[in-house]
Amino acid sequence: MELKKIDQDFSVCKVADYTLVDLNTAFCFVGKTDEENSLVCLTKDVPPNATERSDGWKAFRIQGILDFSLIGILSGISGILAENKIGIFVVSTFNTDYVLTKKEDYQKAVRVLGNAGYKIIE
């Protein structure tokens, strides 16, 4: 399994609404429920109507298109990171998953996943 490092800084936010979110940026993940409007985006793209934000996240992408029948991919990654006391935030798209860790844990996460047999792509 290949993991592609994404050389950008991310933020996880709550926004009042999505009117100021630029959906045309390279990375923009929105999640809406009856309780909140969430946004994961590049830190430089956090809109001014963010009501809460957590900066300092780094990310990697699970390479390739992941068929819905594949089971345990995130479980394997999250288990390794949990064993090493590294917290994660995961965003899934139709094709694949993105795993975010806090910036201070990112190099350790990449190292332990590499040691576990994952191929890390720069």
PDB file of N, CA and C in Angstrom:
ATOM      1  N   MET A   1       0.848  -1.175   0.000  1.00  0.00           N
ATOM      2  CA  MET A   1       0.000   0.000   0.000  1.00  0.00           C
ATOM      3  C   MET A   1       0.892   1.236   0.000  1.00  0.00           C
ATOM      4  N   GLU A   2       0.556   2.194  -0.846  1.00  0.00           N
ATOM      5  CA  GLU A   2       1.343   3.420  -0.969  1.00  0.00           C
ATOM      6  C   GLU A   2       0.613   4.592  -0.320  1.00  0.00           C
ATOM      7  N   LEU A   3       1.392   5.407   0.394  1.00  0.00           N
ATOM      8  CA  LEU A   3       0.886   6.609   1.038  1.00  0.00           C
ATOM      9  C   LEU A   3       1.635   7.804   0.472  1.00  0.00           C
ATOM     10  N   LYS A   4       0.925   8.771  -0.061  1.00  0.00           N
ATOM     11  CA  LYS A   4       1.522   9.962  -0.671  1.00  0.00           C
ATOM     12  C   LYS A   4       1.485  11.116   0.320  1.00  0.00           C
ATOM     13  N   LYS A   5       2.676  11.622   0.667  1.00  0.00           N
ATOM     14  CA  LYS A   5       2.751  12.780   1.548  1.00  0.00           C
ATOM     15  C   LYS A   5       2.247  14.012   0.807  1.00  0.00           C
ATOM     16  N   ILE A   6       1.481  14.821   1.486  1.00  0.00           N
ATOM     17  CA  ILE A   6       0.995  16.079   0.920  1.00  0.00           C
ATOM     18  C   ILE A   6       1.711  17.207   1.644  1.00  0.00           C
ATOM     19  N   ASP A   7       2.503  17.956   0.913  1.00  0.00           N
ATOM     20  CA  ASP A   7       3.344  18.992   1.514  1.00  0.00           C
ATOM     21  C   ASP A   7       2.583  20.314   1.648  1.00  0.00           C
ATOM     22  N   GLN A   8       1.566  20.301   2.480  1.00  0.00           N
ATOM     23  CA  GLN A   8       0.754  21.485   2.747  1.00  0.00           C
ATOM     24  C   GLN A   8       0.359  21.470   4.220  1.00  0.00           C
ATOM     25  N   ASP A   9      -0.017  22.618   4.739  1.00  0.00           N
ATOM     26  CA  ASP A   9      -0.548  22.717   6.093  1.00  0.00           C
ATOM     27  C   ASP A   9      -2.067  22.797   6.023  1.00  0.00           C
ATOM     28  N   PHE A  10      -2.739  22.014   6.869  1.00  0.00           N
ATOM     29  CA  PHE A  10      -4.201  21.939   6.863  1.00  0.00           C
ATOM     30  C   PHE A  10      -4.784  22.474   8.168  1.00  0.00           C
ATOM     31  N   SER A  11      -6.040  22.877   8.077  1.00  0.00           N
ATOM     32  CA  SER A  11      -6.814  23.283   9.247  1.00  0.00           C
ATOM     33  C   SER A  11      -8.149  22.546   9.221  1.00  0.00           C
ATOM     34  N   VAL A  12      -8.646  22.241  10.416  1.00  0.00           N
ATOM     35  CA  VAL A  12      -9.960  21.634  10.591  1.00  0.00           C
ATOM     36  C   VAL A  12     -10.815  22.704  11.265  1.00  0.00           C
ATOM     37  N   CYS A  13     -11.943  23.037  10.641  1.00  0.00           N
ATOM     38  CA  CYS A  13     -12.725  24.192  11.091  1.00  0.00           C
ATOM     39  C   CYS A  13     -14.212  23.893  11.209  1.00  0.00           C
ATOM     40  N   LYS A  14     -14.869  24.752  11.976  1.00  0.00           N
ATOM     41  CA  LYS A  14     -16.313  24.915  11.912  1.00  0.00           C
ATOM     42  C   LYS A  14     -16.530  26.263  11.237  1.00  0.00           C
ATOM     43  N   VAL A  15     -17.513  26.333  10.356  1.00  0.00           N
ATOM     44  CA  VAL A  15     -17.835  27.604   9.703  1.00  0.00           C
ATOM     45  C   VAL A  15     -19.302  27.929   9.931  1.00  0.00           C
ATOM     46  N   ALA A  16     -19.601  29.236   9.940  1.00  0.00           N
ATOM     47  CA  ALA A  16     -20.983  29.673  10.118  1.00  0.00           C
ATOM     48  C   ALA A  16     -21.847  29.139   8.977  1.00  0.00           C
ATOM     49  N   ASP A  17     -21.320  29.228   7.771  1.00  0.00           N
ATOM     50  CA  ASP A  17     -21.969  28.683   6.583  1.00  0.00           C
ATOM     51  C   ASP A  17     -20.884  28.543   5.521  1.00  0.00           C
ATOM     52  N   TYR A  18     -21.258  28.094   4.340  1.00  0.00           N
ATOM     53  CA  TYR A  18     -20.266  27.825   3.303  1.00  0.00           C
ATOM     54  C   TYR A  18     -20.153  28.941   2.259  1.00  0.00           C
ATOM     55  N   THR A  19     -20.744  30.082   2.526  1.00  0.00           N
ATOM     56  CA  THR A  19     -20.743  31.159   1.525  1.00  0.00           C
ATOM     57  C   THR A  19     -19.344  31.693   1.232  1.00  0.00           C
ATOM     58  N   LEU A  20     -18.429  31.640   2.189  1.00  0.00           N
ATOM     59  CA  LEU A  20     -17.081  32.175   1.987  1.00  0.00           C
ATOM     60  C   LEU A  20     -16.040  31.093   1.718  1.00  0.00           C
ATOM     61  N   VAL A  21     -16.480  29.849   1.571  1.00  0.00           N
ATOM     62  CA  VAL A  21     -15.574  28.730   1.296  1.00  0.00           C
ATOM     63  C   VAL A  21     -15.317  28.670  -0.212  1.00  0.00           C
ATOM     64  N   ASP A  22     -14.046  28.659  -0.582  1.00  0.00           N
ATOM     65  CA  ASP A  22     -13.684  28.549  -1.995  1.00  0.00           C
ATOM     66  C   ASP A  22     -13.594  27.067  -2.358  1.00  0.00           C
ATOM     67  N   LEU A  23     -14.623  26.573  -3.010  1.00  0.00           N
ATOM     68  CA  LEU A  23     -14.671  25.158  -3.375  1.00  0.00           C
ATOM     69  C   LEU A  23     -13.734  24.814  -4.527  1.00  0.00           C
ATOM     70  N   ASN A  24     -13.093  25.805  -5.108  1.00  0.00           N
ATOM     71  CA  ASN A  24     -12.183  25.567  -6.233  1.00  0.00           C
ATOM     72  C   ASN A  24     -10.728  25.409  -5.812  1.00  0.00           C
ATOM     73  N   THR A  25     -10.453  25.408  -4.514  1.00  0.00           N
ATOM     74  CA  THR A  25      -9.082  25.209  -4.048  1.00  0.00           C
ATOM     75  C   THR A  25      -8.692  23.741  -4.213  1.00  0.00           C
ATOM     76  N   ALA A  26      -7.408  23.468  -4.122  1.00  0.00           N
ATOM     77  CA  ALA A  26      -6.912  22.099  -4.326  1.00  0.00           C
ATOM     78  C   ALA A  26      -7.492  21.106  -3.321  1.00  0.00           C
ATOM     79  N   PHE A  27      -7.640  21.510  -2.071  1.00  0.00           N
ATOM     80  CA  PHE A  27      -8.163  20.634  -1.024  1.00  0.00           C
ATOM     81  C   PHE A  27      -9.254  21.367  -0.261  1.00  0.00           C
ATOM     82  N   CYS A  28     -10.439  20.817  -0.312  1.00  0.00           N
ATOM     83  CA  CYS A  28     -11.573  21.415   0.391  1.00  0.00           C
ATOM     84  C   CYS A  28     -12.564  20.297   0.693  1.00  0.00           C
ATOM     85  N   PHE A  29     -12.664  19.941   1.950  1.00  0.00           N
ATOM     86  CA  PHE A  29     -13.567  18.880   2.367  1.00  0.00           C
ATOM     87  C   PHE A  29     -14.631  19.491   3.268  1.00  0.00           C
ATOM     88  N   VAL A  30     -15.889  19.342   2.908  1.00  0.00           N
ATOM     89  CA  VAL A  30     -16.963  19.891   3.721  1.00  0.00           C
ATOM     90  C   VAL A  30     -17.816  18.759   4.268  1.00  0.00           C
ATOM     91  N   GLY A  31     -18.330  18.997   5.440  1.00  0.00           N
ATOM     92  CA  GLY A  31     -19.238  18.053   6.071  1.00  0.00           C
ATOM     93  C   GLY A  31     -20.318  18.824   6.795  1.00  0.00           C
ATOM     94  N   LYS A  32     -21.562  18.512   6.487  1.00  0.00           N
ATOM     95  CA  LYS A  32     -22.678  19.239   7.074  1.00  0.00           C
ATOM     96  C   LYS A  32     -23.606  18.250   7.756  1.00  0.00           C
ATOM     97  N   THR A  33     -23.977  18.578   8.984  1.00  0.00           N
ATOM     98  CA  THR A  33     -24.974  17.800   9.713  1.00  0.00           C
ATOM     99  C   THR A  33     -26.018  18.762  10.262  1.00  0.00           C
ATOM    100  N   ASP A  34     -26.957  18.245  11.009  1.00  0.00           N
ATOM    101  CA  ASP A  34     -27.958  19.110  11.631  1.00  0.00           C
ATOM    102  C   ASP A  34     -27.361  19.927  12.776  1.00  0.00           C
ATOM    103  N   GLU A  35     -26.113  19.612  13.168  1.00  0.00           N
ATOM    104  CA  GLU A  35     -25.483  20.311  14.289  1.00  0.00           C
ATOM    105  C   GLU A  35     -24.344  21.243  13.902  1.00  0.00           C
ATOM    106  N   GLU A  36     -23.725  21.041  12.717  1.00  0.00           N
ATOM    107  CA  GLU A  36     -22.559  21.870  12.401  1.00  0.00           C
ATOM    108  C   GLU A  36     -22.222  21.841  10.917  1.00  0.00           C
ATOM    109  N   ASN A  37     -21.434  22.832  10.531  1.00  0.00           N
ATOM    110  CA  ASN A  37     -20.838  22.916   9.200  1.00  0.00           C
ATOM    111  C   ASN A  37     -19.335  22.790   9.389  1.00  0.00           C
ATOM    112  N   SER A  38     -18.756  21.692   8.926  1.00  0.00           N
ATOM    113  CA  SER A  38     -17.326  21.459   9.098  1.00  0.00           C
ATOM    114  C   SER A  38     -16.590  21.681   7.787  1.00  0.00           C
ATOM    115  N   LEU A  39     -15.314  21.990   7.919  1.00  0.00           N
ATOM    116  CA  LEU A  39     -14.464  22.249   6.764  1.00  0.00           C
ATOM    117  C   LEU A  39     -13.047  21.803   7.092  1.00  0.00           C
ATOM    118  N   VAL A  40     -12.441  21.070   6.169  1.00  0.00           N
ATOM    119  CA  VAL A  40     -11.014  20.774   6.230  1.00  0.00           C
ATOM    120  C   VAL A  40     -10.432  21.380   4.965  1.00  0.00           C
ATOM    121  N   CYS A  41      -9.440  22.258   5.140  1.00  0.00           N
ATOM    122  CA  CYS A  41      -8.863  22.943   3.988  1.00  0.00           C
ATOM    123  C   CYS A  41      -7.417  23.312   4.297  1.00  0.00           C
ATOM    124  N   LEU A  42      -6.727  23.815   3.288  1.00  0.00           N
ATOM    125  CA  LEU A  42      -5.390  24.334   3.523  1.00  0.00           C
ATOM    126  C   LEU A  42      -5.502  25.513   4.482  1.00  0.00           C
ATOM    127  N   THR A  43      -4.548  25.636   5.372  1.00  0.00           N
ATOM    128  CA  THR A  43      -4.589  26.700   6.374  1.00  0.00           C
ATOM    129  C   THR A  43      -4.694  28.070   5.720  1.00  0.00           C
ATOM    130  N   LYS A  44      -4.021  28.250   4.615  1.00  0.00           N
ATOM    131  CA  LYS A  44      -4.052  29.550   3.931  1.00  0.00           C
ATOM    132  C   LYS A  44      -5.434  29.858   3.349  1.00  0.00           C
ATOM    133  N   ASP A  45      -6.318  28.852   3.257  1.00  0.00           N
ATOM    134  CA  ASP A  45      -7.637  29.028   2.663  1.00  0.00           C
ATOM    135  C   ASP A  45      -8.781  29.059   3.679  1.00  0.00           C
ATOM    136  N   VAL A  46      -8.467  29.116   4.974  1.00  0.00           N
ATOM    137  CA  VAL A  46      -9.531  29.156   5.984  1.00  0.00           C
ATOM    138  C   VAL A  46     -10.330  30.448   5.775  1.00  0.00           C
ATOM    139  N   PRO A  47     -11.650  30.333   5.633  1.00  0.00           N
ATOM    140  CA  PRO A  47     -12.456  31.528   5.382  1.00  0.00           C
ATOM    141  C   PRO A  47     -12.620  32.378   6.643  1.00  0.00           C
ATOM    142  N   PRO A  48     -12.918  33.655   6.464  1.00  0.00           N
ATOM    143  CA  PRO A  48     -13.058  34.540   7.624  1.00  0.00           C
ATOM    144  C   PRO A  48     -14.259  34.227   8.510  1.00  0.00           C
ATOM    145  N   ASN A  49     -15.202  33.429   8.029  1.00  0.00           N
ATOM    146  CA  ASN A  49     -16.359  33.100   8.869  1.00  0.00           C
ATOM    147  C   ASN A  49     -16.191  31.789   9.633  1.00  0.00           C
ATOM    148  N   ALA A  50     -14.926  31.338   9.777  1.00  0.00           N
ATOM    149  CA  ALA A  50     -14.665  30.162  10.626  1.00  0.00           C
ATOM    150  C   ALA A  50     -14.960  30.554  12.072  1.00  0.00           C
ATOM    151  N   THR A  51     -15.777  29.760  12.743  1.00  0.00           N
ATOM    152  CA  THR A  51     -16.133  30.058  14.131  1.00  0.00           C
ATOM    153  C   THR A  51     -15.222  29.328  15.118  1.00  0.00           C
ATOM    154  N   GLU A  52     -14.648  28.228  14.683  1.00  0.00           N
ATOM    155  CA  GLU A  52     -13.639  27.496  15.459  1.00  0.00           C
ATOM    156  C   GLU A  52     -12.673  26.907  14.458  1.00  0.00           C
ATOM    157  N   ARG A  53     -11.415  26.751  14.869  1.00  0.00           N
ATOM    158  CA  ARG A  53     -10.441  26.142  13.970  1.00  0.00           C
ATOM    159  C   ARG A  53      -9.323  25.482  14.753  1.00  0.00           C
ATOM    160  N   SER A  54      -8.797  24.427  14.157  1.00  0.00           N
ATOM    161  CA  SER A  54      -7.636  23.730  14.696  1.00  0.00           C
ATOM    162  C   SER A  54      -6.605  23.698  13.576  1.00  0.00           C
ATOM    163  N   ASP A  55      -5.544  24.473  13.746  1.00  0.00           N
ATOM    164  CA  ASP A  55      -4.473  24.536  12.749  1.00  0.00           C
ATOM    165  C   ASP A  55      -3.394  23.510  13.084  1.00  0.00           C
ATOM    166  N   GLY A  56      -2.425  23.381  12.180  1.00  0.00           N
ATOM    167  CA  GLY A  56      -1.267  22.550  12.458  1.00  0.00           C
ATOM    168  C   GLY A  56      -1.419  21.090  12.086  1.00  0.00           C
ATOM    169  N   TRP A  57      -2.164  20.802  11.029  1.00  0.00           N
ATOM    170  CA  TRP A  57      -2.348  19.431  10.565  1.00  0.00           C
ATOM    171  C   TRP A  57      -1.554  19.203   9.290  1.00  0.00           C
ATOM    172  N   LYS A  58      -1.030  17.995   9.124  1.00  0.00           N
ATOM    173  CA  LYS A  58      -0.355  17.540   7.902  1.00  0.00           C
ATOM    174  C   LYS A  58      -1.111  16.296   7.419  1.00  0.00           C
ATOM    175  N   ALA A  59      -0.954  15.979   6.131  1.00  0.00           N
ATOM    176  CA  ALA A  59      -1.774  14.896   5.590  1.00  0.00           C
ATOM    177  C   ALA A  59      -0.995  13.993   4.645  1.00  0.00           C
ATOM    178  N   PHE A  60      -1.514  12.794   4.484  1.00  0.00           N
ATOM    179  CA  PHE A  60      -1.072  11.917   3.412  1.00  0.00           C
ATOM    180  C   PHE A  60      -2.302  11.232   2.829  1.00  0.00           C
ATOM    181  N   ARG A  61      -2.188  10.864   1.555  1.00  0.00           N
ATOM    182  CA  ARG A  61      -3.276  10.240   0.817  1.00  0.00           C
ATOM    183  C   ARG A  61      -2.955   8.768   0.604  1.00  0.00           C
ATOM    184  N   ILE A  62      -3.937   7.928   0.769  1.00  0.00           N
ATOM    185  CA  ILE A  62      -3.787   6.522   0.405  1.00  0.00           C
ATOM    186  C   ILE A  62      -3.890   6.482  -1.117  1.00  0.00           C
ATOM    187  N   GLN A  63      -2.815   6.056  -1.771  1.00  0.00           N
ATOM    188  CA  GLN A  63      -2.735   6.111  -3.233  1.00  0.00           C
ATOM    189  C   GLN A  63      -3.654   5.094  -3.894  1.00  0.00           C
ATOM    190  N   GLY A  64      -4.149   5.467  -5.048  1.00  0.00           N
ATOM    191  CA  GLY A  64      -4.991   4.579  -5.838  1.00  0.00           C
ATOM    192  C   GLY A  64      -6.458   4.741  -5.501  1.00  0.00           C
ATOM    193  N   ILE A  65      -7.275   4.187  -6.331  1.00  0.00           N
ATOM    194  CA  ILE A  65      -8.712   4.205  -6.094  1.00  0.00           C
ATOM    195  C   ILE A  65      -9.059   2.986  -5.243  1.00  0.00           C
ATOM    196  N   LEU A  66      -9.673   3.257  -4.123  1.00  0.00           N
ATOM    197  CA  LEU A  66     -10.011   2.191  -3.176  1.00  0.00           C
ATOM    198  C   LEU A  66     -11.435   1.719  -3.418  1.00  0.00           C
ATOM    199  N   ASP A  67     -11.567   0.487  -3.834  1.00  0.00           N
ATOM    200  CA  ASP A  67     -12.875  -0.100  -4.070  1.00  0.00           C
ATOM    201  C   ASP A  67     -13.609  -0.231  -2.738  1.00  0.00           C
ATOM    202  N   PHE A  68     -14.917  -0.042  -2.767  1.00  0.00           N
ATOM    203  CA  PHE A  68     -15.696  -0.125  -1.536  1.00  0.00           C
ATOM    204  C   PHE A  68     -15.657  -1.516  -0.900  1.00  0.00           C
ATOM    205  N   SER A  69     -15.266  -2.525  -1.649  1.00  0.00           N
ATOM    206  CA  SER A  69     -15.206  -3.875  -1.089  1.00  0.00           C
ATOM    207  C   SER A  69     -13.941  -4.110  -0.264  1.00  0.00           C
ATOM    208  N   LEU A  70     -12.964  -3.198  -0.364  1.00  0.00           N
ATOM    209  CA  LEU A  70     -11.743  -3.349   0.422  1.00  0.00           C
ATOM    210  C   LEU A  70     -12.042  -3.059   1.886  1.00  0.00           C
ATOM    211  N   ILE A  71     -11.582  -3.930   2.738  1.00  0.00           N
ATOM    212  CA  ILE A  71     -11.905  -3.826   4.163  1.00  0.00           C
ATOM    213  C   ILE A  71     -10.614  -3.733   4.976  1.00  0.00           C
ATOM    214  N   GLY A  72     -10.615  -2.849   5.961  1.00  0.00           N
ATOM    215  CA  GLY A  72      -9.530  -2.813   6.934  1.00  0.00           C
ATOM    216  C   GLY A  72      -8.369  -1.910   6.605  1.00  0.00           C
ATOM    217  N   ILE A  73      -8.428  -1.160   5.520  1.00  0.00           N
ATOM    218  CA  ILE A  73      -7.301  -0.303   5.159  1.00  0.00           C
ATOM    219  C   ILE A  73      -7.087   0.776   6.220  1.00  0.00           C
ATOM    220  N   LEU A  74      -8.133   1.511   6.537  1.00  0.00           N
ATOM    221  CA  LEU A  74      -8.001   2.541   7.573  1.00  0.00           C
ATOM    222  C   LEU A  74      -7.755   1.939   8.946  1.00  0.00           C
ATOM    223  N   SER A  75      -8.326   0.793   9.186  1.00  0.00           N
ATOM    224  CA  SER A  75      -8.120   0.119  10.461  1.00  0.00           C
ATOM    225  C   SER A  75      -6.644  -0.208  10.665  1.00  0.00           C
ATOM    226  N   GLY A  76      -5.997  -0.699   9.613  1.00  0.00           N
ATOM    227  CA  GLY A  76      -4.572  -1.025   9.711  1.00  0.00           C
ATOM    228  C   GLY A  76      -3.728   0.202   9.989  1.00  0.00           C
ATOM    229  N   ILE A  77      -3.993   1.266   9.254  1.00  0.00           N
ATOM    230  CA  ILE A  77      -3.225   2.509   9.426  1.00  0.00           C
ATOM    231  C   ILE A  77      -3.500   3.116  10.797  1.00  0.00           C
ATOM    232  N   SER A  78      -4.782   3.232  11.142  1.00  0.00           N
ATOM    233  CA  SER A  78      -5.108   3.866  12.425  1.00  0.00           C
ATOM    234  C   SER A  78      -4.614   3.032  13.604  1.00  0.00           C
ATOM    235  N   GLY A  79      -4.610   1.717  13.448  1.00  0.00           N
ATOM    236  CA  GLY A  79      -4.096   0.858  14.528  1.00  0.00           C
ATOM    237  C   GLY A  79      -2.618   1.067  14.784  1.00  0.00           C
ATOM    238  N   ILE A  80      -1.848   1.145  13.709  1.00  0.00           N
ATOM    239  CA  ILE A  80      -0.408   1.392  13.852  1.00  0.00           C
ATOM    240  C   ILE A  80      -0.165   2.746  14.506  1.00  0.00           C
ATOM    241  N   LEU A  81      -0.895   3.746  14.052  1.00  0.00           N
ATOM    242  CA  LEU A  81      -0.708   5.087  14.618  1.00  0.00           C
ATOM    243  C   LEU A  81      -1.173   5.140  16.070  1.00  0.00           C
ATOM    244  N   ALA A  82      -2.267   4.467  16.388  1.00  0.00           N
ATOM    245  CA  ALA A  82      -2.737   4.438  17.778  1.00  0.00           C
ATOM    246  C   ALA A  82      -1.725   3.756  18.694  1.00  0.00           C
ATOM    247  N   GLU A  83      -1.121   2.659  18.221  1.00  0.00           N
ATOM    248  CA  GLU A  83      -0.089   1.977  19.016  1.00  0.00           C
ATOM    249  C   GLU A  83       1.079   2.902  19.329  1.00  0.00           C
ATOM    250  N   ASN A  84       1.289   3.882  18.463  1.00  0.00           N
ATOM    251  CA  ASN A  84       2.390   4.828  18.645  1.00  0.00           C
ATOM    252  C   ASN A  84       1.913   6.167  19.205  1.00  0.00           C
ATOM    253  N   LYS A  85       0.693   6.171  19.724  1.00  0.00           N
ATOM    254  CA  LYS A  85       0.105   7.333  20.388  1.00  0.00           C
ATOM    255  C   LYS A  85       0.030   8.554  19.478  1.00  0.00           C
ATOM    256  N   ILE A  86      -0.355   8.324  18.215  1.00  0.00           N
ATOM    257  CA  ILE A  86      -0.512   9.393  17.234  1.00  0.00           C
ATOM    258  C   ILE A  86      -1.990   9.493  16.873  1.00  0.00           C
ATOM    259  N   GLY A  87      -2.585  10.629  17.197  1.00  0.00           N
ATOM    260  CA  GLY A  87      -3.986  10.868  16.875  1.00  0.00           C
ATOM    261  C   GLY A  87      -4.151  11.207  15.400  1.00  0.00           C
ATOM    262  N   ILE A  88      -5.337  10.926  14.867  1.00  0.00           N
ATOM    263  CA  ILE A  88      -5.593  11.188  13.454  1.00  0.00           C
ATOM    264  C   ILE A  88      -6.942  11.871  13.257  1.00  0.00           C
ATOM    265  N   PHE A  89      -7.076  12.475  12.101  1.00  0.00           N
ATOM    266  CA  PHE A  89      -8.346  12.981  11.590  1.00  0.00           C
ATOM    267  C   PHE A  89      -8.420  12.474  10.161  1.00  0.00           C
ATOM    268  N   VAL A  90      -9.491  11.789   9.802  1.00  0.00           N
ATOM    269  CA  VAL A  90      -9.589  11.157   8.488  1.00  0.00           C
ATOM    270  C   VAL A  90     -10.690  11.812   7.666  1.00  0.00           C
ATOM    271  N   VAL A  91     -10.401  12.019   6.396  1.00  0.00           N
ATOM    272  CA  VAL A  91     -11.389  12.506   5.445  1.00  0.00           C
ATOM    273  C   VAL A  91     -11.432  11.499   4.302  1.00  0.00           C
ATOM    274  N   SER A  92     -12.628  11.106   3.928  1.00  0.00           N
ATOM    275  CA  SER A  92     -12.778  10.151   2.835  1.00  0.00           C
ATOM    276  C   SER A  92     -13.498  10.806   1.662  1.00  0.00           C
ATOM    277  N   THR A  93     -13.032  10.482   0.462  1.00  0.00           N
ATOM    278  CA  THR A  93     -13.705  10.900  -0.757  1.00  0.00           C
ATOM    279  C   THR A  93     -14.257   9.635  -1.415  1.00  0.00           C
ATOM    280  N   PHE A  94     -14.865   9.788  -2.561  1.00  0.00           N
ATOM    281  CA  PHE A  94     -15.397   8.623  -3.268  1.00  0.00           C
ATOM    282  C   PHE A  94     -14.283   7.645  -3.617  1.00  0.00           C
ATOM    283  N   ASN A  95     -13.109   8.175  -4.022  1.00  0.00           N
ATOM    284  CA  ASN A  95     -12.012   7.329  -4.489  1.00  0.00           C
ATOM    285  C   ASN A  95     -11.052   6.855  -3.411  1.00  0.00           C
ATOM    286  N   THR A  96     -10.801   7.655  -2.385  1.00  0.00           N
ATOM    287  CA  THR A  96      -9.727   7.292  -1.461  1.00  0.00           C
ATOM    288  C   THR A  96      -9.912   7.957  -0.104  1.00  0.00           C
ATOM    289  N   ASP A  97      -8.920   7.806   0.751  1.00  0.00           N
ATOM    290  CA  ASP A  97      -8.944   8.371   2.100  1.00  0.00           C
ATOM    291  C   ASP A  97      -7.704   9.235   2.311  1.00  0.00           C
ATOM    292  N   TYR A  98      -7.878  10.252   3.140  1.00  0.00           N
ATOM    293  CA  TYR A  98      -6.797  11.148   3.533  1.00  0.00           C
ATOM    294  C   TYR A  98      -6.671  11.062   5.037  1.00  0.00           C
ATOM    295  N   VAL A  99      -5.453  10.865   5.523  1.00  0.00           N
ATOM    296  CA  VAL A  99      -5.209  10.762   6.958  1.00  0.00           C
ATOM    297  C   VAL A  99      -4.397  11.980   7.369  1.00  0.00           C
ATOM    298  N   LEU A 100      -4.905  12.704   8.346  1.00  0.00           N
ATOM    299  CA  LEU A 100      -4.217  13.881   8.868  1.00  0.00           C
ATOM    300  C   LEU A 100      -3.723  13.594  10.280  1.00  0.00           C
ATOM    301  N   THR A 101      -2.534  14.086  10.576  1.00  0.00           N
ATOM    302  CA  THR A 101      -1.994  14.044  11.933  1.00  0.00           C
ATOM    303  C   THR A 101      -1.542  15.449  12.287  1.00  0.00           C
ATOM    304  N   LYS A 102      -1.413  15.700  13.549  1.00  0.00           N
ATOM    305  CA  LYS A 102      -0.870  16.996  13.947  1.00  0.00           C
ATOM    306  C   LYS A 102       0.577  17.087  13.453  1.00  0.00           C
ATOM    307  N   LYS A 103       0.978  18.298  13.129  1.00  0.00           N
ATOM    308  CA  LYS A 103       2.284  18.547  12.524  1.00  0.00           C
ATOM    309  C   LYS A 103       3.427  17.958  13.354  1.00  0.00           C
ATOM    310  N   GLU A 104       3.326  18.047  14.667  1.00  0.00           N
ATOM    311  CA  GLU A 104       4.415  17.556  15.523  1.00  0.00           C
ATOM    312  C   GLU A 104       4.517  16.027  15.519  1.00  0.00           C
ATOM    313  N   ASP A 105       3.489  15.328  15.074  1.00  0.00           N
ATOM    314  CA  ASP A 105       3.499  13.864  15.005  1.00  0.00           C
ATOM    315  C   ASP A 105       3.725  13.320  13.600  1.00  0.00           C
ATOM    316  N   TYR A 106       3.746  14.193  12.610  1.00  0.00           N
ATOM    317  CA  TYR A 106       3.721  13.767  11.211  1.00  0.00           C
ATOM    318  C   TYR A 106       4.938  12.928  10.822  1.00  0.00           C
ATOM    319  N   GLN A 107       6.137  13.378  11.122  1.00  0.00           N
ATOM    320  CA  GLN A 107       7.335  12.622  10.738  1.00  0.00           C
ATOM    321  C   GLN A 107       7.384  11.267  11.438  1.00  0.00           C
ATOM    322  N   LYS A 108       6.963  11.230  12.690  1.00  0.00           N
ATOM    323  CA  LYS A 108       6.903   9.949  13.407  1.00  0.00           C
ATOM    324  C   LYS A 108       5.876   9.030  12.741  1.00  0.00           C
ATOM    325  N   ALA A 109       4.726   9.582  12.344  1.00  0.00           N
ATOM    326  CA  ALA A 109       3.695   8.779  11.681  1.00  0.00           C
ATOM    327  C   ALA A 109       4.227   8.180  10.385  1.00  0.00           C
ATOM    328  N   VAL A 110       4.896   8.999   9.600  1.00  0.00           N
ATOM    329  CA  VAL A 110       5.460   8.525   8.339  1.00  0.00           C
ATOM    330  C   VAL A 110       6.493   7.431   8.600  1.00  0.00           C
ATOM    331  N   ARG A 111       7.318   7.615   9.625  1.00  0.00           N
ATOM    332  CA  ARG A 111       8.356   6.640   9.949  1.00  0.00           C
ATOM    333  C   ARG A 111       7.764   5.302  10.396  1.00  0.00           C
ATOM    334  N   VAL A 112       6.790   5.331  11.312  1.00  0.00           N
ATOM    335  CA  VAL A 112       6.250   4.070  11.818  1.00  0.00           C
ATOM    336  C   VAL A 112       5.438   3.351  10.740  1.00  0.00           C
ATOM    337  N   LEU A 113       4.755   4.100   9.878  1.00  0.00           N
ATOM    338  CA  LEU A 113       4.027   3.453   8.783  1.00  0.00           C
ATOM    339  C   LEU A 113       4.999   2.853   7.771  1.00  0.00           C
ATOM    340  N   GLY A 114       6.098   3.558   7.496  1.00  0.00           N
ATOM    341  CA  GLY A 114       7.128   3.018   6.617  1.00  0.00           C
ATOM    342  C   GLY A 114       7.739   1.746   7.192  1.00  0.00           C
ATOM    343  N   ASN A 115       8.004   1.766   8.486  1.00  0.00           N
ATOM    344  CA  ASN A 115       8.556   0.578   9.154  1.00  0.00           C
ATOM    345  C   ASN A 115       7.577  -0.589   9.149  1.00  0.00           C
ATOM    346  N   ALA A 116       6.278  -0.284   9.055  1.00  0.00           N
ATOM    347  CA  ALA A 116       5.253  -1.339   9.034  1.00  0.00           C
ATOM    348  C   ALA A 116       5.009  -1.870   7.629  1.00  0.00           C
ATOM    349  N   GLY A 117       5.754  -1.362   6.643  1.00  0.00           N
ATOM    350  CA  GLY A 117       5.641  -1.891   5.299  1.00  0.00           C
ATOM    351  C   GLY A 117       4.908  -1.026   4.287  1.00  0.00           C
ATOM    352  N   TYR A 118       4.399   0.112   4.729  1.00  0.00           N
ATOM    353  CA  TYR A 118       3.750   1.030   3.785  1.00  0.00           C
ATOM    354  C   TYR A 118       4.827   1.766   2.997  1.00  0.00           C
ATOM    355  N   LYS A 119       4.604   1.929   1.706  1.00  0.00           N
ATOM    356  CA  LYS A 119       5.549   2.676   0.874  1.00  0.00           C
ATOM    357  C   LYS A 119       5.155   4.152   0.928  1.00  0.00           C
ATOM    358  N   ILE A 120       6.087   4.985   1.368  1.00  0.00           N
ATOM    359  CA  ILE A 120       5.835   6.411   1.496  1.00  0.00           C
ATOM    360  C   ILE A 120       6.363   7.120   0.252  1.00  0.00           C
ATOM    361  N   ILE A 121       5.485   7.859  -0.406  1.00  0.00           N
ATOM    362  CA  ILE A 121       5.859   8.594  -1.626  1.00  0.00           C
ATOM    363  C   ILE A 121       5.947  10.082  -1.263  1.00  0.00           C
ATOM    364  N   GLU A 122       7.051  10.688  -1.644  1.00  0.00           N
ATOM    365  CA  GLU A 122       7.246  12.130  -1.371  1.00  0.00           C
ATOM    366  C   GLU A 122       6.378  12.969  -2.264  1.00  0.00           C
TER     367      GLU A 122
END
